[in-house]
C-alpha atoms as a PDB file:
ATOM      1  CA  MET A   1     -55.887 -57.895  42.813  1.00  0.00           C
ATOM      2  CA  ALA A   2     -58.268 -55.680  40.911  1.00  0.00           C
ATOM      3  CA  LEU A   3     -56.101 -52.798  39.782  1.00  0.00           C
ATOM      4  CA  ASP A   4     -56.430 -50.781  36.625  1.00  0.00           C
ATOM      5  CA  TRP A   5     -52.909 -51.458  35.399  1.00  0.00           C
ATOM      6  CA  ALA A   6     -53.069 -48.937  32.555  1.00  0.00           C
ATOM      7  CA  ALA A   7     -54.277 -46.129  34.811  1.00  0.00           C
ATOM      8  CA  ASN A   8     -51.548 -46.870  37.321  1.00  0.00           C
ATOM      9  CA  VAL A   9     -48.826 -46.870  34.654  1.00  0.00           C
ATOM     10  CA  LYS A  10     -50.184 -43.642  33.181  1.00  0.00           C
ATOM     11  CA  ASN A  11     -49.752 -41.912  36.541  1.00  0.00           C
ATOM     12  CA  TYR A  12     -46.015 -42.124  35.797  1.00  0.00           C
ATOM     13  CA  ALA A  13     -45.945 -42.315  32.005  1.00  0.00           C
ATOM     14  CA  PRO A  14     -48.992 -40.396  30.685  1.00  0.00           C
ATOM     15  CA  THR A  15     -48.392 -41.440  27.075  1.00  0.00           C
ATOM     16  CA  ALA A  16     -47.875 -45.113  27.900  1.00  0.00           C
ATOM     17  CA  ASP A  17     -48.869 -47.547  25.181  1.00  0.00           C
ATOM     18  CA  ASP A  18     -51.801 -49.794  26.164  1.00  0.00           C
ATOM     19  CA  GLY A  19     -50.424 -52.618  24.011  1.00  0.00           C
ATOM     20  CA  VAL A  20     -47.137 -52.555  25.909  1.00  0.00           C
ATOM     21  CA  ILE A  21     -48.979 -52.476  29.233  1.00  0.00           C
ATOM     22  CA  ASN A  22     -51.025 -55.497  28.159  1.00  0.00           C
ATOM     23  CA  GLY A  23     -47.815 -57.253  27.118  1.00  0.00           C
ATOM     24  CA  ILE A  24     -46.334 -56.714  30.575  1.00  0.00           C
ATOM     25  CA  VAL A  25     -49.556 -57.955  32.180  1.00  0.00           C
ATOM     26  CA  LYS A  26     -49.325 -61.117  30.046  1.00  0.00           C
ATOM     27  CA  HIS A  27     -45.653 -61.524  30.972  1.00  0.00           C
ATOM     28  CA  CYS A  28     -46.507 -61.323  34.683  1.00  0.00           C
ATOM     29  CA  GLY A  29     -49.415 -63.699  34.174  1.00  0.00           C
ATOM     30  CA  ILE A  30     -50.999 -65.444  37.096  1.00  0.00           C
ATOM     31  CA  ALA A  31     -48.687 -63.698  39.566  1.00  0.00           C
ATOM     32  CA  LEU A  32     -50.860 -60.603  39.263  1.00  0.00           C
ATOM     33  CA  GLN A  33     -53.713 -62.486  40.918  1.00  0.00           C
ATOM     34  CA  GLN A  34     -51.792 -62.676  44.186  1.00  0.00           C
ATOM     35  CA  ARG A  35     -51.433 -59.370  46.001  1.00  0.00           C
ATOM     36  CA  ASP A  36     -47.857 -59.896  47.202  1.00  0.00           C
ATOM     37  CA  ALA A  37     -46.631 -61.068  43.817  1.00  0.00           C
ATOM     38  CA  SER A  38     -48.303 -58.173  42.024  1.00  0.00           C
ATOM     39  CA  LEU A  39     -46.263 -55.650  44.007  1.00  0.00           C
ATOM     40  CA  VAL A  40     -42.566 -54.811  44.171  1.00  0.00           C
ATOM     41  CA  ALA A  41     -41.137 -54.499  47.672  1.00  0.00           C
ATOM     42  CA  CYS A  42     -38.381 -51.945  47.284  1.00  0.00           C
ATOM     43  CA  ALA A  43     -37.214 -52.351  50.878  1.00  0.00           C
ATOM     44  CA  ASP A  44     -36.406 -56.033  50.230  1.00  0.00           C
ATOM     45  CA  LYS A  45     -32.989 -56.502  48.627  1.00  0.00           C
ATOM     46  CA  SER A  46     -33.836 -60.024  47.468  1.00  0.00           C
ATOM     47  CA  GLU A  47     -36.892 -58.612  45.675  1.00  0.00           C
ATOM     48  CA  ARG A  48     -34.767 -55.947  43.971  1.00  0.00           C
ATOM     49  CA  ASP A  49     -32.236 -58.627  42.994  1.00  0.00           C
ATOM     50  CA  SER A  50     -35.050 -60.725  41.552  1.00  0.00           C
ATOM     51  CA  VAL A  51     -36.268 -57.783  39.448  1.00  0.00           C
ATOM     52  CA  ARG A  52     -32.709 -57.291  38.208  1.00  0.00           C
ATOM     53  CA  ASP A  53     -32.042 -60.941  37.422  1.00  0.00           C
ATOM     54  CA  SER A  54     -35.444 -62.165  36.221  1.00  0.00           C
ATOM     55  CA  PHE A  55     -36.783 -59.096  34.488  1.00  0.00           C
ATOM     56  CA  LEU A  56     -33.883 -56.916  33.416  1.00  0.00           C
ATOM     57  CA  LYS A  57     -31.403 -59.652  32.543  1.00  0.00           C
ATOM     58  CA  LYS A  58     -33.610 -62.547  31.435  1.00  0.00           C
ATOM     59  CA  LYS A  59     -36.690 -60.875  29.970  1.00  0.00           C
ATOM     60  CA  LEU A  60     -35.107 -57.688  28.590  1.00  0.00           C
ATOM     61  CA  GLY A  61     -31.758 -59.334  27.824  1.00  0.00           C
ATOM     62  CA  LEU A  62     -29.688 -56.532  29.343  1.00  0.00           C
ATOM     63  CA  THR A  63     -25.983 -57.204  29.715  1.00  0.00           C
ATOM     64  CA  VAL A  64     -24.870 -54.036  31.487  1.00  0.00           C
ATOM     65  CA  PRO A  65     -23.141 -54.424  34.872  1.00  0.00           C
ATOM     66  CA  ASP A  66     -25.261 -55.343  37.887  1.00  0.00           C
ATOM     67  CA  ALA A  67     -24.404 -52.043  39.567  1.00  0.00           C
ATOM     68  CA  GLU A  68     -26.043 -50.119  36.720  1.00  0.00           C
ATOM     69  CA  LEU A  69     -29.118 -52.349  36.800  1.00  0.00           C
ATOM     70  CA  ASP A  70     -29.358 -52.022  40.584  1.00  0.00           C
ATOM     71  CA  LYS A  71     -29.148 -48.252  40.243  1.00  0.00           C
ATOM     72  CA  ALA A  72     -32.035 -48.277  37.746  1.00  0.00           C
ATOM     73  CA  VAL A  73     -34.182 -50.384  40.096  1.00  0.00           C
ATOM     74  CA  ILE A  74     -33.476 -47.973  42.974  1.00  0.00           C
ATOM     75  CA  GLU A  75     -34.322 -45.014  40.719  1.00  0.00           C
ATOM     76  CA  VAL A  76     -37.729 -46.516  39.955  1.00  0.00           C
ATOM     77  CA  CYS A  77     -38.234 -47.194  43.675  1.00  0.00           C
ATOM     78  CA  GLU A  78     -37.528 -43.515  44.327  1.00  0.00           C
ATOM     79  CA  ARG A  79     -39.792 -42.400  41.505  1.00  0.00           C
ATOM     80  CA  MET A  80     -42.645 -44.446  42.950  1.00  0.00           C
ATOM     81  CA  LYS A  81     -41.909 -43.692  46.607  1.00  0.00           C
ATOM     82  CA  ALA A  82     -45.211 -41.858  47.090  1.00  0.00           C
ATOM     83  CA  GLU A  83     -47.005 -45.190  46.671  1.00  0.00           C
ATOM     84  CA  ARG A  84     -46.837 -47.657  49.510  1.00  0.00           C
ATOM     85  CA  ASP A  85     -47.791 -50.477  47.154  1.00  0.00           C
ATOM     86  CA  LYS A  86     -45.689 -50.361  43.990  1.00  0.00           C
ATOM     87  CA  ALA A  87     -47.516 -52.170  41.200  1.00  0.00           C
ATOM     88  CA  ARG A  88     -45.234 -54.637  39.414  1.00  0.00           C
ATOM     89  CA  VAL A  89     -46.701 -53.776  35.995  1.00  0.00           C
ATOM     90  CA  THR A  90     -45.912 -50.087  36.475  1.00  0.00           C
ATOM     91  CA  PHE A  91     -42.480 -50.869  37.901  1.00  0.00           C
ATOM     92  CA  TYR A  92     -41.622 -53.065  34.921  1.00  0.00           C
ATOM     93  CA  TYR A  93     -42.984 -50.512  32.444  1.00  0.00           C
ATOM     94  CA  LEU A  94     -40.779 -47.782  33.894  1.00  0.00           C
ATOM     95  CA  LEU A  95     -37.706 -50.023  33.777  1.00  0.00           C
ATOM     96  CA  ALA A  96     -38.390 -51.121  30.201  1.00  0.00           C
ATOM     97  CA  GLU A  97     -38.909 -47.482  29.239  1.00  0.00           C
ATOM     98  CA  LYS A  98     -35.632 -46.459  30.895  1.00  0.00           C
ATOM     99  CA  PHE A  99     -33.683 -49.023  28.890  1.00  0.00           C
ATOM    100  CA  ASP A 100     -35.640 -48.398  25.654  1.00  0.00           C
ATOM    101  CA  LYS A 101     -37.009 -51.956  25.698  1.00  0.00           C
ATOM    102  CA  LEU A 102     -40.744 -51.317  25.519  1.00  0.00           C
ATOM    103  CA  SER A 103     -40.772 -53.073  22.151  1.00  0.00           C
ATOM    104  CA  ALA A 104     -40.188 -56.365  23.990  1.00  0.00           C
ATOM    105  CA  PHE A 105     -43.873 -56.228  24.953  1.00  0.00           C
ATOM    106  CA  GLY A 106     -45.666 -55.129  21.827  1.00  0.00           C
END
């Protein structure tokens, strides 16, 4: 998928750090080459659970209750609702920003 990740993130976070964006791109790795894997499907509960468990808990090391993490994922879904295709890099950036964990990527 040929998407300008930085431009997409900066639609939501105009002062986003390019180094952090690149760190998230590296974290996502080869998954970004497949269209489905490069997007977050907010309508799919298993996808939202995966974001919570794999990204928020494992990568960011958050230990807050699942209900709070689920709420944050839904908030980002709402924030990005104007976009049919929600870019995973942008989604992850917004979550990391919300929990003050951008430093995990650069």
